[in-house]
Amino acid sequence: MFGRAIPPMPTAESALPGRPERPFTVPTTHEVLGTPLEGPWPEGTEVLHVAMGCFWGAERIFWQLPGVVTTAAGYMGGFTPNPTYEETCTGLTGHTESVLVAYDPRQTRPELLLKAFWENHDPTTPDRQGNDVGTQYRSAIYWTTEEQRAAVDATAAAFGEELRRHNLPPVVTEMRPASEAGTFWYAEDYHQQYLHKNPGGYCNHGPNGLTCQVGILRQDEVPSQESVLGRDA
């Protein structure tokens, strides 16, 4: 933006060195949900990590969804251990501004969480969301279960088709397992539930005008084409 070049993604060797311990404190409790920010969570709780630009607005989207146990702002997908916000904003840690979404799989499904992901940011712009420019603002999903991986594949395909239908660019979202993306590093105290603490604070998230068609039914519940056409024996 305004002629400012985006620094290339660092390598493990060129990234900022970081530190062995967290240099700040993190709240123990979610400001809105009243649940533990870092656990422990109820047995069976599953975790999905998403990045969709500035984590302030992204986190608010998910803490409002049914079945979500807790959310947290943090840094993920890069190399620097225990990074700070200032370091991440240089683009020299390799991290995204990420949101941890812990949820009860008995009350919601990955498809529904990902539906909110696809519909509330622009997954077609590499390393930017609106005026926020840099690799830390790239769109990303880091899954932790095979069910999530299948939901990522299905929803990405469905939203990609919606983009094609509207003659829009394709999805450029980074999609990989959390085990490959690395540790989720919690962000500083003031970033957690930022828009609850600062209702008039900056937010560039909201409906993008498109619909992700996956999410109403589980993929194994979607009728086959033969069934829809009345051809099943």
C-alpha atoms as a PDB file:
ATOM      1  CA  MET A   1       0.000   0.000   0.000  1.00  0.00           C
ATOM      2  CA  PHE A   2       1.291   3.485  -0.915  1.00  0.00           C
ATOM      3  CA  GLY A   3       4.408   1.918  -2.426  1.00  0.00           C
ATOM      4  CA  ARG A   4       5.457   0.017   0.680  1.00  0.00           C
ATOM      5  CA  ALA A   5       6.966  -3.314  -0.303  1.00  0.00           C
ATOM      6  CA  ILE A   6       5.935  -6.449   1.581  1.00  0.00           C
ATOM      7  CA  PRO A   7       9.007  -8.134   3.082  1.00  0.00           C
ATOM      8  CA  PRO A   8       9.380 -11.706   1.818  1.00  0.00           C
ATOM      9  CA  MET A   9       8.638 -14.563   4.179  1.00  0.00           C
ATOM     10  CA  PRO A  10      11.694 -15.213   6.342  1.00  0.00           C
ATOM     11  CA  THR A  11      13.317 -18.606   6.641  1.00  0.00           C
ATOM     12  CA  ALA A  12      14.016 -20.376   9.897  1.00  0.00           C
ATOM     13  CA  GLU A  13      17.559 -19.076   9.618  1.00  0.00           C
ATOM     14  CA  SER A  14      16.674 -15.451   8.832  1.00  0.00           C
ATOM     15  CA  ALA A  15      13.709 -15.056  11.209  1.00  0.00           C
ATOM     16  CA  LEU A  16      14.030 -13.074  14.421  1.00  0.00           C
ATOM     17  CA  PRO A  17      15.515 -15.249  17.183  1.00  0.00           C
ATOM     18  CA  GLY A  18      12.786 -14.775  19.763  1.00  0.00           C
ATOM     19  CA  ARG A  19      13.273 -16.035  23.301  1.00  0.00           C
ATOM     20  CA  PRO A  20      12.797 -19.153  25.427  1.00  0.00           C
ATOM     21  CA  GLU A  21      10.039 -17.697  27.638  1.00  0.00           C
ATOM     22  CA  ARG A  22       6.952 -15.537  27.145  1.00  0.00           C
ATOM     23  CA  PRO A  23       7.917 -11.893  27.785  1.00  0.00           C
ATOM     24  CA  PHE A  24       4.447 -10.794  28.940  1.00  0.00           C
ATOM     25  CA  THR A  25       1.446 -12.080  30.844  1.00  0.00           C
ATOM     26  CA  VAL A  26      -1.719 -13.583  29.375  1.00  0.00           C
ATOM     27  CA  PRO A  27      -5.116 -13.537  31.143  1.00  0.00           C
ATOM     28  CA  THR A  28      -6.270 -16.823  32.630  1.00  0.00           C
ATOM     29  CA  THR A  29      -9.926 -16.264  31.705  1.00  0.00           C
ATOM     30  CA  HIS A  30     -11.760 -15.273  28.525  1.00  0.00           C
ATOM     31  CA  GLU A  31     -13.210 -11.794  29.049  1.00  0.00           C
ATOM     32  CA  VAL A  32     -16.518 -12.681  27.332  1.00  0.00           C
ATOM     33  CA  LEU A  33     -17.033 -16.424  27.755  1.00  0.00           C
ATOM     34  CA  GLY A  34     -15.556 -16.774  31.241  1.00  0.00           C
ATOM     35  CA  THR A  35     -13.677 -19.928  30.212  1.00  0.00           C
ATOM     36  CA  PRO A  36      -9.953 -20.704  30.595  1.00  0.00           C
ATOM     37  CA  LEU A  37      -7.938 -18.990  27.887  1.00  0.00           C
ATOM     38  CA  GLU A  38      -5.178 -21.616  27.882  1.00  0.00           C
ATOM     39  CA  GLY A  39      -7.146 -24.550  29.262  1.00  0.00           C
ATOM     40  CA  PRO A  40      -7.749 -26.981  30.641  1.00  0.00           C
ATOM     41  CA  TRP A  41     -11.004 -27.287  28.714  1.00  0.00           C
ATOM     42  CA  PRO A  42     -13.770 -29.911  29.000  1.00  0.00           C
ATOM     43  CA  GLU A  43     -12.908 -33.385  27.771  1.00  0.00           C
ATOM     44  CA  GLY A  44     -13.497 -33.737  24.049  1.00  0.00           C
ATOM     45  CA  THR A  45     -12.819 -30.070  23.238  1.00  0.00           C
ATOM     46  CA  GLU A  46     -11.159 -29.656  19.836  1.00  0.00           C
ATOM     47  CA  VAL A  47      -9.065 -26.776  18.519  1.00  0.00           C
ATOM     48  CA  LEU A  48      -8.935 -25.110  15.106  1.00  0.00           C
ATOM     49  CA  HIS A  49      -6.596 -22.232  14.220  1.00  0.00           C
ATOM     50  CA  VAL A  50      -7.522 -19.571  11.658  1.00  0.00           C
ATOM     51  CA  ALA A  51      -5.909 -16.381  10.350  1.00  0.00           C
ATOM     52  CA  MET A  52      -7.882 -13.794   8.419  1.00  0.00           C
ATOM     53  CA  GLY A  53      -6.022 -10.516   8.850  1.00  0.00           C
ATOM     54  CA  CYS A  54      -6.035  -8.496  12.072  1.00  0.00           C
ATOM     55  CA  PHE A  55      -6.907 -10.882  14.887  1.00  0.00           C
ATOM     56  CA  TRP A  56      -9.084  -8.392  16.779  1.00  0.00           C
ATOM     57  CA  GLY A  57     -12.130  -8.644  14.517  1.00  0.00           C
ATOM     58  CA  ALA A  58     -11.486 -12.257  13.626  1.00  0.00           C
ATOM     59  CA  GLU A  59     -11.565 -13.338  17.263  1.00  0.00           C
ATOM     60  CA  ARG A  60     -14.878 -11.566  17.891  1.00  0.00           C
ATOM     61  CA  ILE A  61     -16.528 -13.459  15.031  1.00  0.00           C
ATOM     62  CA  PHE A  62     -15.722 -16.806  16.624  1.00  0.00           C
ATOM     63  CA  TRP A  63     -16.450 -16.126  20.288  1.00  0.00           C
ATOM     64  CA  GLN A  64     -20.046 -15.343  19.242  1.00  0.00           C
ATOM     65  CA  LEU A  65     -20.608 -18.717  17.551  1.00  0.00           C
ATOM     66  CA  PRO A  66     -22.584 -21.494  19.266  1.00  0.00           C
ATOM     67  CA  GLY A  67     -20.467 -24.337  20.599  1.00  0.00           C
ATOM     68  CA  VAL A  68     -17.265 -22.324  20.966  1.00  0.00           C
ATOM     69  CA  VAL A  69     -15.593 -22.930  24.324  1.00  0.00           C
ATOM     70  CA  THR A  70     -12.945 -20.207  24.111  1.00  0.00           C
ATOM     71  CA  THR A  71     -10.999 -18.085  21.651  1.00  0.00           C
ATOM     72  CA  ALA A  72      -7.608 -16.404  21.826  1.00  0.00           C
ATOM     73  CA  ALA A  73      -5.477 -14.084  19.732  1.00  0.00           C
ATOM     74  CA  GLY A  74      -1.954 -15.186  18.937  1.00  0.00           C
ATOM     75  CA  TYR A  75       0.791 -15.809  16.427  1.00  0.00           C
ATOM     76  CA  MET A  76       1.270 -18.956  14.352  1.00  0.00           C
ATOM     77  CA  GLY A  77       2.752 -20.308  11.142  1.00  0.00           C
ATOM     78  CA  GLY A  78       6.225 -18.800  11.485  1.00  0.00           C
ATOM     79  CA  PHE A  79       9.536 -19.458  13.172  1.00  0.00           C
ATOM     80  CA  THR A  80      10.220 -17.039  16.053  1.00  0.00           C
ATOM     81  CA  PRO A  81       9.536 -18.525  19.510  1.00  0.00           C
ATOM     82  CA  ASN A  82       7.558 -16.386  21.969  1.00  0.00           C
ATOM     83  CA  PRO A  83       7.202 -13.435  19.566  1.00  0.00           C
ATOM     84  CA  THR A  84       5.836 -10.035  20.490  1.00  0.00           C
ATOM     85  CA  TYR A  85       3.263  -8.061  18.539  1.00  0.00           C
ATOM     86  CA  GLU A  86       5.891  -5.544  17.459  1.00  0.00           C
ATOM     87  CA  GLU A  87       8.145  -8.327  16.169  1.00  0.00           C
ATOM     88  CA  THR A  88       5.320 -10.039  14.291  1.00  0.00           C
ATOM     89  CA  CYS A  89       4.368  -6.758  12.613  1.00  0.00           C
ATOM     90  CA  THR A  90       7.836  -6.494  11.072  1.00  0.00           C
ATOM     91  CA  GLY A  91       7.094  -9.593   9.001  1.00  0.00           C
ATOM     92  CA  LEU A  92      10.372 -11.074  10.240  1.00  0.00           C
ATOM     93  CA  THR A  93       8.868 -13.801  12.437  1.00  0.00           C
ATOM     94  CA  GLY A  94       6.897 -15.483   9.630  1.00  0.00           C
ATOM     95  CA  HIS A  95       3.789 -15.708  11.807  1.00  0.00           C
ATOM     96  CA  THR A  96       0.193 -14.892  10.970  1.00  0.00           C
ATOM     97  CA  GLU A  97      -2.067 -13.025  13.346  1.00  0.00           C
ATOM     98  CA  SER A  98      -4.047 -16.112  14.315  1.00  0.00           C
ATOM     99  CA  VAL A  99      -7.089 -17.016  16.352  1.00  0.00           C
ATOM    100  CA  LEU A 100      -7.330 -20.179  18.409  1.00  0.00           C
ATOM    101  CA  VAL A 101     -10.878 -21.545  18.368  1.00  0.00           C
ATOM    102  CA  ALA A 102     -11.585 -24.229  20.991  1.00  0.00           C
ATOM    103  CA  TYR A 103     -15.007 -25.797  20.467  1.00  0.00           C
ATOM    104  CA  ASP A 104     -17.295 -28.582  21.631  1.00  0.00           C
ATOM    105  CA  PRO A 105     -17.750 -30.975  18.664  1.00  0.00           C
ATOM    106  CA  ARG A 106     -21.069 -32.104  20.149  1.00  0.00           C
ATOM    107  CA  GLN A 107     -22.470 -28.593  19.702  1.00  0.00           C
ATOM    108  CA  THR A 108     -20.887 -27.434  16.449  1.00  0.00           C
ATOM    109  CA  ARG A 109     -18.885 -28.753  13.517  1.00  0.00           C
ATOM    110  CA  PRO A 110     -15.759 -27.652  11.672  1.00  0.00           C
ATOM    111  CA  GLU A 111     -17.880 -26.894   8.582  1.00  0.00           C
ATOM    112  CA  LEU A 112     -19.843 -24.260  10.487  1.00  0.00           C
ATOM    113  CA  LEU A 113     -16.727 -22.628  11.935  1.00  0.00           C
ATOM    114  CA  LEU A 114     -15.133 -22.571   8.481  1.00  0.00           C
ATOM    115  CA  LYS A 115     -18.281 -21.145   6.938  1.00  0.00           C
ATOM    116  CA  ALA A 116     -17.786 -18.121   9.219  1.00  0.00           C
ATOM    117  CA  PHE A 117     -14.130 -18.012   8.209  1.00  0.00           C
ATOM    118  CA  TRP A 118     -14.743 -17.921   4.459  1.00  0.00           C
ATOM    119  CA  GLU A 119     -17.660 -15.488   4.590  1.00  0.00           C
ATOM    120  CA  ASN A 120     -16.052 -12.811   6.777  1.00  0.00           C
ATOM    121  CA  HIS A 121     -12.762 -11.893   5.085  1.00  0.00           C
ATOM    122  CA  ASP A 122     -11.143 -11.834   1.657  1.00  0.00           C
ATOM    123  CA  PRO A 123      -9.265 -15.116   1.062  1.00  0.00           C
ATOM    124  CA  THR A 124      -8.176 -14.021  -2.431  1.00  0.00           C
ATOM    125  CA  THR A 125      -5.650 -11.300  -1.504  1.00  0.00           C
ATOM    126  CA  PRO A 126      -2.125 -12.542  -0.732  1.00  0.00           C
ATOM    127  CA  ASP A 127      -0.620 -10.991   2.393  1.00  0.00           C
ATOM    128  CA  ARG A 128      -3.274  -8.357   2.952  1.00  0.00           C
ATOM    129  CA  GLN A 129      -6.751  -7.581   4.210  1.00  0.00           C
ATOM    130  CA  GLY A 130      -7.863  -4.164   3.013  1.00  0.00           C
ATOM    131  CA  ASN A 131      -5.288  -1.595   4.113  1.00  0.00           C
ATOM    132  CA  ASP A 132      -3.519  -4.124   6.361  1.00  0.00           C
ATOM    133  CA  VAL A 133      -0.543  -5.266   4.315  1.00  0.00           C
ATOM    134  CA  GLY A 134       2.124  -7.817   5.207  1.00  0.00           C
ATOM    135  CA  THR A 135       2.682 -11.552   5.483  1.00  0.00           C
ATOM    136  CA  GLN A 136       1.282 -11.476   9.035  1.00  0.00           C
ATOM    137  CA  TYR A 137      -2.126 -10.638   7.515  1.00  0.00           C
ATOM    138  CA  ARG A 138      -2.259 -13.630   5.166  1.00  0.00           C
ATOM    139  CA  SER A 139      -5.304 -15.893   5.188  1.00  0.00           C
ATOM    140  CA  ALA A 140      -4.633 -19.305   6.762  1.00  0.00           C
ATOM    141  CA  ILE A 141      -6.213 -22.373   8.329  1.00  0.00           C
ATOM    142  CA  TYR A 142      -4.283 -24.782  10.542  1.00  0.00           C
ATOM    143  CA  TRP A 143      -6.230 -27.930  11.418  1.00  0.00           C
ATOM    144  CA  THR A 144      -5.704 -30.392  14.257  1.00  0.00           C
ATOM    145  CA  THR A 145      -8.018 -33.292  13.335  1.00  0.00           C
ATOM    146  CA  GLU A 146      -8.819 -35.315  10.234  1.00  0.00           C
ATOM    147  CA  GLU A 147     -12.433 -34.167  10.404  1.00  0.00           C
ATOM    148  CA  GLN A 148     -11.212 -30.574  10.251  1.00  0.00           C
ATOM    149  CA  ARG A 149      -8.937 -31.384   7.323  1.00  0.00           C
ATOM    150  CA  ALA A 150     -11.866 -32.857   5.391  1.00  0.00           C
ATOM    151  CA  ALA A 151     -13.976 -29.800   6.232  1.00  0.00           C
ATOM    152  CA  VAL A 152     -11.183 -27.483   5.044  1.00  0.00           C
ATOM    153  CA  ASP A 153     -11.045 -29.314   1.712  1.00  0.00           C
ATOM    154  CA  ALA A 154     -14.819 -29.272   1.277  1.00  0.00           C
ATOM    155  CA  THR A 155     -15.399 -25.662   2.281  1.00  0.00           C
ATOM    156  CA  ALA A 156     -12.426 -24.369   0.284  1.00  0.00           C
ATOM    157  CA  ALA A 157     -13.789 -26.121  -2.796  1.00  0.00           C
ATOM    158  CA  ALA A 158     -17.291 -24.808  -2.192  1.00  0.00           C
ATOM    159  CA  PHE A 159     -16.142 -21.230  -1.641  1.00  0.00           C
ATOM    160  CA  GLY A 160     -13.780 -21.451  -4.583  1.00  0.00           C
ATOM    161  CA  GLU A 161     -16.729 -22.343  -6.773  1.00  0.00           C
ATOM    162  CA  GLU A 162     -18.632 -19.346  -5.410  1.00  0.00           C
ATOM    163  CA  LEU A 163     -15.698 -17.102  -6.313  1.00  0.00           C
ATOM    164  CA  ARG A 164     -15.563 -18.527  -9.840  1.00  0.00           C
ATOM    165  CA  ARG A 165     -19.280 -18.010 -10.220  1.00  0.00           C
ATOM    166  CA  HIS A 166     -18.793 -14.315  -9.489  1.00  0.00           C
ATOM    167  CA  ASN A 167     -15.683 -14.022 -11.705  1.00  0.00           C
ATOM    168  CA  LEU A 168     -13.472 -13.307  -8.696  1.00  0.00           C
ATOM    169  CA  PRO A 169      -9.851 -14.384  -8.077  1.00  0.00           C
ATOM    170  CA  PRO A 170      -9.201 -17.813  -6.561  1.00  0.00           C
ATOM    171  CA  VAL A 171      -8.557 -18.692  -2.926  1.00  0.00           C
ATOM    172  CA  VAL A 172      -4.961 -18.096  -1.803  1.00  0.00           C
ATOM    173  CA  THR A 173      -5.480 -19.226   1.789  1.00  0.00           C
ATOM    174  CA  GLU A 174      -2.613 -21.150   3.390  1.00  0.00           C
ATOM    175  CA  MET A 175      -4.020 -24.518   4.464  1.00  0.00           C
ATOM    176  CA  ARG A 176      -1.926 -27.008   6.445  1.00  0.00           C
ATOM    177  CA  PRO A 177      -1.934 -29.048   9.661  1.00  0.00           C
ATOM    178  CA  ALA A 178      -1.157 -27.258  12.901  1.00  0.00           C
ATOM    179  CA  SER A 179       1.588 -29.791  13.530  1.00  0.00           C
ATOM    180  CA  GLU A 180       3.368 -28.372  10.480  1.00  0.00           C
ATOM    181  CA  ALA A 181       2.519 -24.715  11.156  1.00  0.00           C
ATOM    182  CA  GLY A 182       4.071 -24.945  14.613  1.00  0.00           C
ATOM    183  CA  THR A 183       3.204 -23.601  18.042  1.00  0.00           C
ATOM    184  CA  PHE A 184       0.347 -21.179  18.619  1.00  0.00           C
ATOM    185  CA  TRP A 185       1.943 -18.377  20.643  1.00  0.00           C
ATOM    186  CA  TYR A 186      -0.576 -16.417  22.715  1.00  0.00           C
ATOM    187  CA  ALA A 187      -0.605 -12.660  22.103  1.00  0.00           C
ATOM    188  CA  GLU A 188      -0.290  -9.970  24.750  1.00  0.00           C
ATOM    189  CA  ASP A 189      -2.994  -9.287  27.351  1.00  0.00           C
ATOM    190  CA  TYR A 190      -4.383  -6.210  25.578  1.00  0.00           C
ATOM    191  CA  HIS A 191      -4.995  -8.153  22.346  1.00  0.00           C
ATOM    192  CA  GLN A 192      -7.197 -10.785  24.002  1.00  0.00           C
ATOM    193  CA  GLN A 193     -10.895 -10.030  23.331  1.00  0.00           C
ATOM    194  CA  TYR A 194      -9.754  -6.580  22.212  1.00  0.00           C
ATOM    195  CA  LEU A 195     -13.053  -5.511  20.677  1.00  0.00           C
ATOM    196  CA  HIS A 196     -14.960  -6.430  23.824  1.00  0.00           C
ATOM    197  CA  LYS A 197     -12.650  -4.204  25.860  1.00  0.00           C
ATOM    198  CA  ASN A 198     -12.664  -1.520  23.124  1.00  0.00           C
ATOM    199  CA  PRO A 199     -16.098  -1.665  21.414  1.00  0.00           C
ATOM    200  CA  GLY A 200     -15.214   1.190  19.065  1.00  0.00           C
ATOM    201  CA  GLY A 201     -11.832  -0.274  18.174  1.00  0.00           C
ATOM    202  CA  TYR A 202     -10.504  -0.960  14.702  1.00  0.00           C
ATOM    203  CA  CYS A 203     -12.121  -3.857  12.846  1.00  0.00           C
ATOM    204  CA  ASN A 204     -12.012  -4.648   9.137  1.00  0.00           C
ATOM    205  CA  HIS A 205     -13.999  -7.882   9.287  1.00  0.00           C
ATOM    206  CA  GLY A 206     -17.557  -8.551   8.258  1.00  0.00           C
ATOM    207  CA  PRO A 207     -19.645 -10.299   5.605  1.00  0.00           C
ATOM    208  CA  ASN A 208     -17.916 -10.299   2.215  1.00  0.00           C
ATOM    209  CA  GLY A 209     -21.200 -10.743   0.368  1.00  0.00           C
ATOM    210  CA  LEU A 210     -20.596 -14.364  -0.644  1.00  0.00           C
ATOM    211  CA  THR A 211     -21.958 -17.594   0.797  1.00  0.00           C
ATOM    212  CA  CYS A 212     -20.045 -20.764   1.549  1.00  0.00           C
ATOM    213  CA  GLN A 213     -22.548 -23.436   0.567  1.00  0.00           C
ATOM    214  CA  VAL A 214     -20.994 -26.138   2.743  1.00  0.00           C
ATOM    215  CA  GLY A 215     -22.011 -26.172   6.371  1.00  0.00           C
ATOM    216  CA  ILE A 216     -25.683 -26.989   6.388  1.00  0.00           C
ATOM    217  CA  LEU A 217     -25.104 -30.751   6.278  1.00  0.00           C
ATOM    218  CA  ARG A 218     -22.144 -32.950   7.081  1.00  0.00           C
ATOM    219  CA  GLN A 219     -20.439 -34.081   3.907  1.00  0.00           C
ATOM    220  CA  ASP A 220     -21.461 -37.688   4.522  1.00  0.00           C
ATOM    221  CA  GLU A 221     -25.083 -36.511   4.831  1.00  0.00           C
ATOM    222  CA  VAL A 222     -25.212 -34.693   1.500  1.00  0.00           C
ATOM    223  CA  PRO A 223     -27.499 -36.645  -0.857  1.00  0.00           C
ATOM    224  CA  SER A 224     -25.847 -38.214  -3.866  1.00  0.00           C
ATOM    225  CA  GLN A 225     -26.672 -36.907  -7.322  1.00  0.00           C
ATOM    226  CA  GLU A 226     -28.395 -40.207  -8.098  1.00  0.00           C
ATOM    227  CA  SER A 227     -30.567 -39.864  -4.998  1.00  0.00           C
ATOM    228  CA  VAL A 228     -31.543 -36.311  -5.861  1.00  0.00           C
ATOM    229  CA  LEU A 229     -32.491 -37.401  -9.374  1.00  0.00           C
ATOM    230  CA  GLY A 230     -34.457 -40.381  -8.068  1.00  0.00           C
ATOM    231  CA  ARG A 231     -32.072 -42.970  -9.497  1.00  0.00           C
ATOM    232  CA  ASP A 232     -31.195 -44.839  -6.302  1.00  0.00           C
ATOM    233  CA  ALA A 233     -32.303 -48.418  -6.292  1.00  0.00           C
END
